[in-house]
Amino acid sequence: MEPEYTSVVVDHFEHPRNSGHFEAGEGVIRGVAGSIAQGTMFALSARVAGDRIEAVRFEAYGCPHCIAAGSWLSEQLVGLTRAELNAWNWRDADQVLHFPLEKRGRLLILEDAVRALAAAWDPLGQKSIP
């Protein structure tokens, strides 16, 4: 690995946590942002119970930083509420993963995926406006 990769990025890239997705079903939500055609894509799926996230899976397409960010995030979102998802900011990931300046736009796509996950979460079983 290049010296631009922090030890946290290397660890999550070489040993990704929670990769894959949950099959659609009751209590499962999904948020996607970016595209493979544009070079960066994140898909998050979560199992929710009550008002909290119980488990998260991720799929990512992109550079090692993207894979590491998806893995790291999959651990961080467990236990959060919908409101906390909406408040999540890409800078949280950057403080830990230290993305190079030229790659920080990828974290904005990750934030969009988190927002899409929150928008898919309808805790009352009714359509809601995110």
Foldseek 3Di string as FASTA:
>chain_A
DDPQWDPLLVCCLVPFPQEDEDDDDPQKFKFKFDDVVVAWIKIKMFGDDQFFTAFIYMDIGHDSNRSSLRRVVRVVRGGDGLVVLLVDDLVVSCVPGVDPPVCSVNSVRVNRRSPRRSCRDDNVPDHDGD
